[in-house]
């Protein structure tokens, strides 16, 4: 399926986002991570549509052809949640199944825990619940060394593009859509916009920075939740997602996909699709 042919522009709070919107039936919202776009889901969209779902997959702000604000504050969590909920409102969708990967999974945890009335079932890939002890292990901190590096405005951009993007090529380790990432990040403002997801999450607010309207308090997720991890993920290790069960006050299921790295939807699409369809289950 050519996702560009089933995409349309949706306006959310005055900004325009390209969004896959295809199929009929229960709605599934797919949220990608860094440095992806809605094209990440090209193997999942047809399988879900064929199984009787309506699939919604946006380019999230800062990525793909979505808006690229220059203000780091625009990438703080309340703004990103507002984008996702605003998209659902624009499409007149009260509730959806929510599927997220990488930063999209982090965002999905936040939405499901803060706005439980909007989510039927949750699927998170690669990223565990925010307070899982696995985030604090020495091994995980070593694996996610790049978080601090990406949070250095100007310095990170200069280093990443140097020597034909050597740092990013090495970082990808041949996984994912590496060449597509390089083409898209080379567009004006795109690299900084993508890195701003890290800066918005980890840099403290400046002294003159007005706070974004607060989110509802994050609580335990109260819908059935499936966590999925690829066994060769070099960035996000297993304990931080495998141990997320205590933060789900509903049925929790964890699956490890073998012979898959961080981008498991590209490495093992058929296996992932089977898990998704089994877990989401179209109601009779």
C-alpha atoms as a PDB file:
ATOM      1  CA  UNK A   1       0.000   0.000   0.000  1.00  0.00           C
ATOM      2  CA  UNK A   2       1.269   3.446  -0.973  1.00  0.00           C
ATOM      3  CA  UNK A   3       0.649   5.393   2.225  1.00  0.00           C
ATOM      4  CA  UNK A   4       0.848   8.717   0.397  1.00  0.00           C
ATOM      5  CA  UNK A   5      -2.276   7.703  -1.506  1.00  0.00           C
ATOM      6  CA  UNK A   6      -4.253   7.132   1.695  1.00  0.00           C
ATOM      7  CA  UNK A   7      -2.997  10.244   3.510  1.00  0.00           C
ATOM      8  CA  UNK A   8      -4.700  13.586   3.930  1.00  0.00           C
ATOM      9  CA  UNK A   9      -4.011  16.858   5.683  1.00  0.00           C
ATOM     10  CA  UNK A  10      -5.636  17.397   9.063  1.00  0.00           C
ATOM     11  CA  UNK A  11      -5.597  20.746  10.858  1.00  0.00           C
ATOM     12  CA  UNK A  12      -4.955  20.628  14.596  1.00  0.00           C
ATOM     13  CA  UNK A  13      -4.844  23.893  16.566  1.00  0.00           C
ATOM     14  CA  UNK A  14      -3.975  25.873  13.462  1.00  0.00           C
ATOM     15  CA  UNK A  15      -1.213  23.534  12.258  1.00  0.00           C
ATOM     16  CA  UNK A  16      -1.487  21.025   9.418  1.00  0.00           C
ATOM     17  CA  UNK A  17      -0.388  17.414   9.795  1.00  0.00           C
ATOM     18  CA  UNK A  18      -0.181  14.721   7.090  1.00  0.00           C
ATOM     19  CA  UNK A  19      -2.152  11.708   8.330  1.00  0.00           C
ATOM     20  CA  UNK A  20      -2.827   8.229   6.982  1.00  0.00           C
ATOM     21  CA  UNK A  21      -6.574   7.688   7.329  1.00  0.00           C
ATOM     22  CA  UNK A  22      -7.781   4.491   5.715  1.00  0.00           C
ATOM     23  CA  UNK A  23     -10.177   1.644   6.403  1.00  0.00           C
ATOM     24  CA  UNK A  24     -13.439   1.205   8.262  1.00  0.00           C
ATOM     25  CA  UNK A  25     -14.196  -0.143  11.715  1.00  0.00           C
ATOM     26  CA  UNK A  26     -12.637   0.360  15.156  1.00  0.00           C
ATOM     27  CA  UNK A  27      -9.947   3.041  14.956  1.00  0.00           C
ATOM     28  CA  UNK A  28      -6.264   2.333  15.608  1.00  0.00           C
ATOM     29  CA  UNK A  29      -3.919   5.293  16.140  1.00  0.00           C
ATOM     30  CA  UNK A  30      -0.258   4.564  15.267  1.00  0.00           C
ATOM     31  CA  UNK A  31       2.447   6.840  16.729  1.00  0.00           C
ATOM     32  CA  UNK A  32       6.019   6.608  15.402  1.00  0.00           C
ATOM     33  CA  UNK A  33       9.275   7.656  17.075  1.00  0.00           C
ATOM     34  CA  UNK A  34      12.689   9.124  16.198  1.00  0.00           C
ATOM     35  CA  UNK A  35      13.657   9.697  13.433  1.00  0.00           C
ATOM     36  CA  UNK A  36      10.649   8.257  11.652  1.00  0.00           C
ATOM     37  CA  UNK A  37       7.376   9.288  10.029  1.00  0.00           C
ATOM     38  CA  UNK A  38       4.088   7.620   9.210  1.00  0.00           C
ATOM     39  CA  UNK A  39       5.980   5.544   6.597  1.00  0.00           C
ATOM     40  CA  UNK A  40       7.282   3.402   9.455  1.00  0.00           C
ATOM     41  CA  UNK A  41       3.919   1.604   9.545  1.00  0.00           C
ATOM     42  CA  UNK A  42       3.789   0.599   5.881  1.00  0.00           C
ATOM     43  CA  UNK A  43       3.640  -3.125   6.727  1.00  0.00           C
ATOM     44  CA  UNK A  44       1.086  -2.737   9.529  1.00  0.00           C
ATOM     45  CA  UNK A  45      -1.460  -0.451   7.842  1.00  0.00           C
ATOM     46  CA  UNK A  46      -2.577  -2.956   5.153  1.00  0.00           C
ATOM     47  CA  UNK A  47      -2.811  -5.821   7.662  1.00  0.00           C
ATOM     48  CA  UNK A  48      -4.949  -3.778  10.037  1.00  0.00           C
ATOM     49  CA  UNK A  49      -7.205  -2.475   7.260  1.00  0.00           C
ATOM     50  CA  UNK A  50      -7.695  -5.988   5.870  1.00  0.00           C
ATOM     51  CA  UNK A  51      -8.655  -7.145   9.375  1.00  0.00           C
ATOM     52  CA  UNK A  52     -11.422  -4.567   9.638  1.00  0.00           C
ATOM     53  CA  UNK A  53      -9.837  -1.544  11.296  1.00  0.00           C
ATOM     54  CA  UNK A  54      -9.680   2.131  10.466  1.00  0.00           C
ATOM     55  CA  UNK A  55      -6.024   3.155  10.697  1.00  0.00           C
ATOM     56  CA  UNK A  56      -4.884   6.654  11.674  1.00  0.00           C
ATOM     57  CA  UNK A  57      -1.124   7.311  11.391  1.00  0.00           C
ATOM     58  CA  UNK A  58       0.171  10.894  11.524  1.00  0.00           C
ATOM     59  CA  UNK A  59       3.577  12.397  11.007  1.00  0.00           C
ATOM     60  CA  UNK A  60       4.201  13.701  14.523  1.00  0.00           C
ATOM     61  CA  UNK A  61       5.397  17.281  14.909  1.00  0.00           C
ATOM     62  CA  UNK A  62       9.039  17.711  13.964  1.00  0.00           C
ATOM     63  CA  UNK A  63       9.072  14.629  11.731  1.00  0.00           C
ATOM     64  CA  UNK A  64       8.259  13.793   8.120  1.00  0.00           C
ATOM     65  CA  UNK A  65       6.105  16.525   6.607  1.00  0.00           C
ATOM     66  CA  UNK A  66       4.589  17.695   9.891  1.00  0.00           C
ATOM     67  CA  UNK A  67       5.160  21.223  11.267  1.00  0.00           C
ATOM     68  CA  UNK A  68       8.648  21.877  12.654  1.00  0.00           C
ATOM     69  CA  UNK A  69       8.414  24.510  15.374  1.00  0.00           C
ATOM     70  CA  UNK A  70      11.757  26.004  16.357  1.00  0.00           C
ATOM     71  CA  UNK A  71      10.839  26.581  20.016  1.00  0.00           C
ATOM     72  CA  UNK A  72      11.932  23.656  22.205  1.00  0.00           C
ATOM     73  CA  UNK A  73       8.896  24.326  24.401  1.00  0.00           C
ATOM     74  CA  UNK A  74       6.714  23.143  21.513  1.00  0.00           C
ATOM     75  CA  UNK A  75       8.140  19.638  22.032  1.00  0.00           C
ATOM     76  CA  UNK A  76       7.310  19.299  25.704  1.00  0.00           C
ATOM     77  CA  UNK A  77       4.975  16.468  26.575  1.00  0.00           C
ATOM     78  CA  UNK A  78       1.749  18.517  27.031  1.00  0.00           C
ATOM     79  CA  UNK A  79       2.107  19.944  23.514  1.00  0.00           C
ATOM     80  CA  UNK A  80       2.638  16.490  22.002  1.00  0.00           C
ATOM     81  CA  UNK A  81      -0.328  15.003  23.852  1.00  0.00           C
ATOM     82  CA  UNK A  82      -2.415  17.950  22.696  1.00  0.00           C
ATOM     83  CA  UNK A  83      -1.494  17.163  19.078  1.00  0.00           C
ATOM     84  CA  UNK A  84      -2.629  13.543  19.394  1.00  0.00           C
ATOM     85  CA  UNK A  85      -5.878  14.313  21.188  1.00  0.00           C
ATOM     86  CA  UNK A  86      -6.558  17.218  18.844  1.00  0.00           C
ATOM     87  CA  UNK A  87      -6.196  14.860  15.901  1.00  0.00           C
ATOM     88  CA  UNK A  88      -8.750  12.489  17.415  1.00  0.00           C
ATOM     89  CA  UNK A  89     -11.116  15.407  17.998  1.00  0.00           C
ATOM     90  CA  UNK A  90     -10.672  16.613  14.417  1.00  0.00           C
ATOM     91  CA  UNK A  91     -11.641  13.128  13.214  1.00  0.00           C
ATOM     92  CA  UNK A  92     -14.576  12.879  15.653  1.00  0.00           C
ATOM     93  CA  UNK A  93     -13.037   9.846  17.366  1.00  0.00           C
ATOM     94  CA  UNK A  94     -13.909   9.521  21.051  1.00  0.00           C
ATOM     95  CA  UNK A  95     -11.883   6.344  21.680  1.00  0.00           C
ATOM     96  CA  UNK A  96      -9.178   4.420  19.823  1.00  0.00           C
ATOM     97  CA  UNK A  97      -6.785   1.548  20.152  1.00  0.00           C
ATOM     98  CA  UNK A  98      -3.375   3.189  20.632  1.00  0.00           C
ATOM     99  CA  UNK A  99      -0.099   1.778  19.273  1.00  0.00           C
ATOM    100  CA  UNK A 100       3.252   3.513  19.773  1.00  0.00           C
ATOM    101  CA  UNK A 101       6.938   2.884  19.104  1.00  0.00           C
ATOM    102  CA  UNK A 102       9.980   4.632  20.565  1.00  0.00           C
ATOM    103  CA  UNK A 103       8.984   8.260  21.354  1.00  0.00           C
ATOM    104  CA  UNK A 104       5.538   7.350  20.082  1.00  0.00           C
ATOM    105  CA  UNK A 105       5.364   4.657  22.765  1.00  0.00           C
ATOM    106  CA  UNK A 106       6.466   7.123  25.423  1.00  0.00           C
ATOM    107  CA  UNK A 107       3.713   9.448  24.234  1.00  0.00           C
ATOM    108  CA  UNK A 108       1.223   6.557  24.212  1.00  0.00           C
ATOM    109  CA  UNK A 109       2.010   5.710  27.850  1.00  0.00           C
ATOM    110  CA  UNK A 110       1.370   9.336  28.769  1.00  0.00           C
ATOM    111  CA  UNK A 111      -1.925   9.534  26.865  1.00  0.00           C
ATOM    112  CA  UNK A 112      -3.233   6.232  28.220  1.00  0.00           C
ATOM    113  CA  UNK A 113      -2.309   7.116  31.803  1.00  0.00           C
ATOM    114  CA  UNK A 114      -3.602  10.691  31.685  1.00  0.00           C
ATOM    115  CA  UNK A 115      -6.657  10.330  29.453  1.00  0.00           C
ATOM    116  CA  UNK A 116      -8.003   6.810  30.031  1.00  0.00           C
ATOM    117  CA  UNK A 117     -11.420   7.676  28.602  1.00  0.00           C
ATOM    118  CA  UNK A 118      -9.882   7.971  25.116  1.00  0.00           C
ATOM    119  CA  UNK A 119      -8.101   4.588  24.893  1.00  0.00           C
ATOM    120  CA  UNK A 120      -9.535   1.080  24.484  1.00  0.00           C
ATOM    121  CA  UNK A 121      -6.333  -0.965  24.247  1.00  0.00           C
ATOM    122  CA  UNK A 122      -2.683   0.055  24.366  1.00  0.00           C
ATOM    123  CA  UNK A 123       0.304  -1.433  22.523  1.00  0.00           C
ATOM    124  CA  UNK A 124       3.763  -0.096  23.366  1.00  0.00           C
ATOM    125  CA  UNK A 125       6.875  -1.134  21.467  1.00  0.00           C
ATOM    126  CA  UNK A 126      10.430  -0.802  22.790  1.00  0.00           C
ATOM    127  CA  UNK A 127       9.597   1.700  25.573  1.00  0.00           C
ATOM    128  CA  UNK A 128       8.344   0.767  29.037  1.00  0.00           C
ATOM    129  CA  UNK A 129       6.299   2.669  31.589  1.00  0.00           C
ATOM    130  CA  UNK A 130       7.853   5.948  32.776  1.00  0.00           C
ATOM    131  CA  UNK A 131       8.672   4.820  36.317  1.00  0.00           C
ATOM    132  CA  UNK A 132       9.865   1.287  35.597  1.00  0.00           C
ATOM    133  CA  UNK A 133      13.045   0.559  37.599  1.00  0.00           C
ATOM    134  CA  UNK A 134      14.682  -0.786  34.447  1.00  0.00           C
ATOM    135  CA  UNK A 135      15.347   2.787  33.334  1.00  0.00           C
ATOM    136  CA  UNK A 136      17.786   3.251  36.225  1.00  0.00           C
ATOM    137  CA  UNK A 137      20.137   0.330  35.516  1.00  0.00           C
ATOM    138  CA  UNK A 138      23.739   1.038  34.570  1.00  0.00           C
ATOM    139  CA  UNK A 139      23.292  -1.025  31.421  1.00  0.00           C
ATOM    140  CA  UNK A 140      20.328   1.054  30.246  1.00  0.00           C
ATOM    141  CA  UNK A 141      22.077   4.339  30.979  1.00  0.00           C
ATOM    142  CA  UNK A 142      25.056   3.156  28.932  1.00  0.00           C
ATOM    143  CA  UNK A 143      22.810   2.086  26.035  1.00  0.00           C
ATOM    144  CA  UNK A 144      21.006   5.433  25.993  1.00  0.00           C
ATOM    145  CA  UNK A 145      24.168   7.580  26.103  1.00  0.00           C
ATOM    146  CA  UNK A 146      22.924   9.577  23.120  1.00  0.00           C
ATOM    147  CA  UNK A 147      20.059  11.139  25.123  1.00  0.00           C
ATOM    148  CA  UNK A 148      22.460  13.636  26.728  1.00  0.00           C
ATOM    149  CA  UNK A 149      24.352  14.174  23.481  1.00  0.00           C
ATOM    150  CA  UNK A 150      21.177  14.939  21.495  1.00  0.00           C
ATOM    151  CA  UNK A 151      20.209  17.538  24.134  1.00  0.00           C
ATOM    152  CA  UNK A 152      23.096  19.854  23.203  1.00  0.00           C
ATOM    153  CA  UNK A 153      21.672  22.417  20.748  1.00  0.00           C
ATOM    154  CA  UNK A 154      24.017  23.231  17.885  1.00  0.00           C
ATOM    155  CA  UNK A 155      26.758  20.914  19.109  1.00  0.00           C
ATOM    156  CA  UNK A 156      24.783  17.766  18.324  1.00  0.00           C
ATOM    157  CA  UNK A 157      23.680  19.023  14.893  1.00  0.00           C
ATOM    158  CA  UNK A 158      27.242  19.900  13.850  1.00  0.00           C
ATOM    159  CA  UNK A 159      28.636  16.577  15.001  1.00  0.00           C
ATOM    160  CA  UNK A 160      25.856  14.504  13.427  1.00  0.00           C
ATOM    161  CA  UNK A 161      26.166  15.952   9.910  1.00  0.00           C
ATOM    162  CA  UNK A 162      29.978  15.848   9.925  1.00  0.00           C
ATOM    163  CA  UNK A 163      31.795  13.280   7.779  1.00  0.00           C
ATOM    164  CA  UNK A 164      28.689  12.352   5.770  1.00  0.00           C
ATOM    165  CA  UNK A 165      26.515  11.770   8.840  1.00  0.00           C
ATOM    166  CA  UNK A 166      28.952   9.230  10.303  1.00  0.00           C
ATOM    167  CA  UNK A 167      27.621   9.483  13.867  1.00  0.00           C
ATOM    168  CA  UNK A 168      24.044   8.840  12.793  1.00  0.00           C
ATOM    169  CA  UNK A 169      25.071   6.015  10.460  1.00  0.00           C
ATOM    170  CA  UNK A 170      26.987   4.371  13.307  1.00  0.00           C
ATOM    171  CA  UNK A 171      24.095   5.013  15.691  1.00  0.00           C
ATOM    172  CA  UNK A 172      21.607   3.266  13.390  1.00  0.00           C
ATOM    173  CA  UNK A 173      23.862   0.167  13.173  1.00  0.00           C
ATOM    174  CA  UNK A 174      22.291  -0.631   9.825  1.00  0.00           C
ATOM    175  CA  UNK A 175      18.845  -0.929  11.393  1.00  0.00           C
ATOM    176  CA  UNK A 176      15.662   0.840  10.340  1.00  0.00           C
ATOM    177  CA  UNK A 177      15.255   3.003   7.222  1.00  0.00           C
ATOM    178  CA  UNK A 178      18.696   4.549   7.564  1.00  0.00           C
ATOM    179  CA  UNK A 179      18.982   6.118   4.105  1.00  0.00           C
ATOM    180  CA  UNK A 180      15.473   7.572   4.322  1.00  0.00           C
ATOM    181  CA  UNK A 181      16.303   9.058   7.713  1.00  0.00           C
ATOM    182  CA  UNK A 182      19.383  10.763   6.275  1.00  0.00           C
ATOM    183  CA  UNK A 183      17.429  12.230   3.348  1.00  0.00           C
ATOM    184  CA  UNK A 184      14.624  13.526   5.546  1.00  0.00           C
ATOM    185  CA  UNK A 185      16.870  14.905   8.294  1.00  0.00           C
ATOM    186  CA  UNK A 186      18.934  16.788   5.704  1.00  0.00           C
ATOM    187  CA  UNK A 187      15.961  19.057   4.929  1.00  0.00           C
ATOM    188  CA  UNK A 188      16.100  22.567   6.434  1.00  0.00           C
ATOM    189  CA  UNK A 189      15.285  22.480  10.138  1.00  0.00           C
ATOM    190  CA  UNK A 190      14.451  18.765  10.195  1.00  0.00           C
ATOM    191  CA  UNK A 191      17.405  17.521  12.249  1.00  0.00           C
ATOM    192  CA  UNK A 192      16.920  20.132  14.961  1.00  0.00           C
ATOM    193  CA  UNK A 193      13.177  19.449  15.043  1.00  0.00           C
ATOM    194  CA  UNK A 194      13.738  15.728  15.572  1.00  0.00           C
ATOM    195  CA  UNK A 195      16.351  16.300  18.284  1.00  0.00           C
ATOM    196  CA  UNK A 196      13.969  18.698  20.009  1.00  0.00           C
ATOM    197  CA  UNK A 197      11.926  15.696  21.166  1.00  0.00           C
ATOM    198  CA  UNK A 198      14.865  14.855  23.443  1.00  0.00           C
ATOM    199  CA  UNK A 199      15.434  18.462  24.448  1.00  0.00           C
ATOM    200  CA  UNK A 200      11.788  19.070  25.226  1.00  0.00           C
ATOM    201  CA  UNK A 201      11.699  15.980  27.413  1.00  0.00           C
ATOM    202  CA  UNK A 202      14.988  16.341  29.272  1.00  0.00           C
ATOM    203  CA  UNK A 203      16.047  19.999  29.325  1.00  0.00           C
ATOM    204  CA  UNK A 204      14.638  21.931  32.304  1.00  0.00           C
ATOM    205  CA  UNK A 205      12.454  24.949  31.512  1.00  0.00           C
ATOM    206  CA  UNK A 206      14.287  28.263  31.225  1.00  0.00           C
ATOM    207  CA  UNK A 207      13.822  30.971  33.870  1.00  0.00           C
ATOM    208  CA  UNK A 208      11.594  33.071  31.598  1.00  0.00           C
ATOM    209  CA  UNK A 209       9.738  30.173  30.015  1.00  0.00           C
ATOM    210  CA  UNK A 210       6.015  30.131  30.579  1.00  0.00           C
ATOM    211  CA  UNK A 211       4.733  26.657  31.459  1.00  0.00           C
ATOM    212  CA  UNK A 212       2.530  24.812  28.995  1.00  0.00           C
ATOM    213  CA  UNK A 213      -0.964  24.066  30.345  1.00  0.00           C
ATOM    214  CA  UNK A 214      -0.490  21.001  32.582  1.00  0.00           C
ATOM    215  CA  UNK A 215      -1.624  17.520  31.698  1.00  0.00           C
ATOM    216  CA  UNK A 216      -3.925  15.554  33.958  1.00  0.00           C
ATOM    217  CA  UNK A 217      -1.919  13.584  36.484  1.00  0.00           C
ATOM    218  CA  UNK A 218      -0.425  10.396  35.083  1.00  0.00           C
ATOM    219  CA  UNK A 219      -1.948   7.325  36.715  1.00  0.00           C
ATOM    220  CA  UNK A 220      -1.568   3.623  36.166  1.00  0.00           C
ATOM    221  CA  UNK A 221      -2.849   2.597  32.762  1.00  0.00           C
ATOM    222  CA  UNK A 222      -6.341   1.168  33.107  1.00  0.00           C
ATOM    223  CA  UNK A 223      -6.786  -0.576  29.754  1.00  0.00           C
ATOM    224  CA  UNK A 224      -5.433  -3.915  28.489  1.00  0.00           C
ATOM    225  CA  UNK A 225      -1.824  -3.342  27.476  1.00  0.00           C
ATOM    226  CA  UNK A 226       0.666  -5.239  25.327  1.00  0.00           C
ATOM    227  CA  UNK A 227       4.386  -4.532  25.536  1.00  0.00           C
ATOM    228  CA  UNK A 228       6.616  -5.713  22.672  1.00  0.00           C
ATOM    229  CA  UNK A 229      10.415  -5.647  22.445  1.00  0.00           C
ATOM    230  CA  UNK A 230      12.938  -6.747  19.808  1.00  0.00           C
ATOM    231  CA  UNK A 231      15.705  -8.879  21.251  1.00  0.00           C
ATOM    232  CA  UNK A 232      18.454  -7.029  19.329  1.00  0.00           C
ATOM    233  CA  UNK A 233      17.414  -3.514  20.329  1.00  0.00           C
ATOM    234  CA  UNK A 234      20.689  -1.671  21.067  1.00  0.00           C
ATOM    235  CA  UNK A 235      19.053   1.444  22.524  1.00  0.00           C
ATOM    236  CA  UNK A 236      16.293   0.310  24.869  1.00  0.00           C
ATOM    237  CA  UNK A 237      16.981  -2.796  26.920  1.00  0.00           C
ATOM    238  CA  UNK A 238      14.503  -5.422  28.017  1.00  0.00           C
ATOM    239  CA  UNK A 239      14.103  -4.694  31.767  1.00  0.00           C
ATOM    240  CA  UNK A 240      12.575  -1.225  31.238  1.00  0.00           C
ATOM    241  CA  UNK A 241       9.670  -2.664  29.237  1.00  0.00           C
ATOM    242  CA  UNK A 242       9.405  -6.200  30.591  1.00  0.00           C
ATOM    243  CA  UNK A 243       8.927  -4.785  34.091  1.00  0.00           C
ATOM    244  CA  UNK A 244       6.075  -2.428  33.171  1.00  0.00           C
ATOM    245  CA  UNK A 245       3.295  -4.707  34.433  1.00  0.00           C
ATOM    246  CA  UNK A 246       2.998  -3.080  37.884  1.00  0.00           C
ATOM    247  CA  UNK A 247       2.106   0.212  36.169  1.00  0.00           C
ATOM    248  CA  UNK A 248      -0.878  -1.312  34.360  1.00  0.00           C
ATOM    249  CA  UNK A 249      -4.045  -1.751  36.409  1.00  0.00           C
ATOM    250  CA  UNK A 250      -5.542  -4.052  33.764  1.00  0.00           C
ATOM    251  CA  UNK A 251      -4.445  -7.185  31.881  1.00  0.00           C
ATOM    252  CA  UNK A 252      -0.762  -6.871  30.950  1.00  0.00           C
ATOM    253  CA  UNK A 253       1.020  -8.980  28.344  1.00  0.00           C
ATOM    254  CA  UNK A 254       4.650  -8.911  27.312  1.00  0.00           C
ATOM    255  CA  UNK A 255       6.139 -10.354  24.119  1.00  0.00           C
ATOM    256  CA  UNK A 256       9.764 -10.557  22.956  1.00  0.00           C
ATOM    257  CA  UNK A 257      10.304 -10.804  19.198  1.00  0.00           C
ATOM    258  CA  UNK A 258      13.388 -12.756  18.189  1.00  0.00           C
ATOM    259  CA  UNK A 259      15.658 -11.749  15.328  1.00  0.00           C
ATOM    260  CA  UNK A 260      14.399  -8.185  15.550  1.00  0.00           C
ATOM    261  CA  UNK A 261      16.158  -4.981  16.488  1.00  0.00           C
ATOM    262  CA  UNK A 262      14.752  -1.614  17.507  1.00  0.00           C
ATOM    263  CA  UNK A 263      12.595  -1.324  14.375  1.00  0.00           C
ATOM    264  CA  UNK A 264      10.793  -4.627  14.889  1.00  0.00           C
ATOM    265  CA  UNK A 265       7.938  -3.640  12.560  1.00  0.00           C
ATOM    266  CA  UNK A 266      10.484  -3.661   9.718  1.00  0.00           C
ATOM    267  CA  UNK A 267      12.527  -6.677  10.860  1.00  0.00           C
ATOM    268  CA  UNK A 268       9.626  -9.009  11.672  1.00  0.00           C
ATOM    269  CA  UNK A 269       6.474  -7.456  10.190  1.00  0.00           C
ATOM    270  CA  UNK A 270       4.452 -10.663   9.902  1.00  0.00           C
ATOM    271  CA  UNK A 271       5.121 -11.684  13.505  1.00  0.00           C
ATOM    272  CA  UNK A 272       4.302  -8.202  14.761  1.00  0.00           C
ATOM    273  CA  UNK A 273       1.108  -8.075  12.716  1.00  0.00           C
ATOM    274  CA  UNK A 274      -0.033 -11.387  14.199  1.00  0.00           C
ATOM    275  CA  UNK A 275       0.515 -10.057  17.705  1.00  0.00           C
ATOM    276  CA  UNK A 276      -1.334  -6.833  16.963  1.00  0.00           C
ATOM    277  CA  UNK A 277      -4.344  -8.527  15.392  1.00  0.00           C
ATOM    278  CA  UNK A 278      -4.551 -11.129  18.141  1.00  0.00           C
ATOM    279  CA  UNK A 279      -4.407  -8.492  20.865  1.00  0.00           C
ATOM    280  CA  UNK A 280      -6.684  -5.856  19.364  1.00  0.00           C
ATOM    281  CA  UNK A 281      -9.401  -8.284  18.219  1.00  0.00           C
ATOM    282  CA  UNK A 282     -12.149  -6.766  16.124  1.00  0.00           C
ATOM    283  CA  UNK A 283     -15.406  -7.014  18.070  1.00  0.00           C
ATOM    284  CA  UNK A 284     -18.049  -9.191  16.392  1.00  0.00           C
END
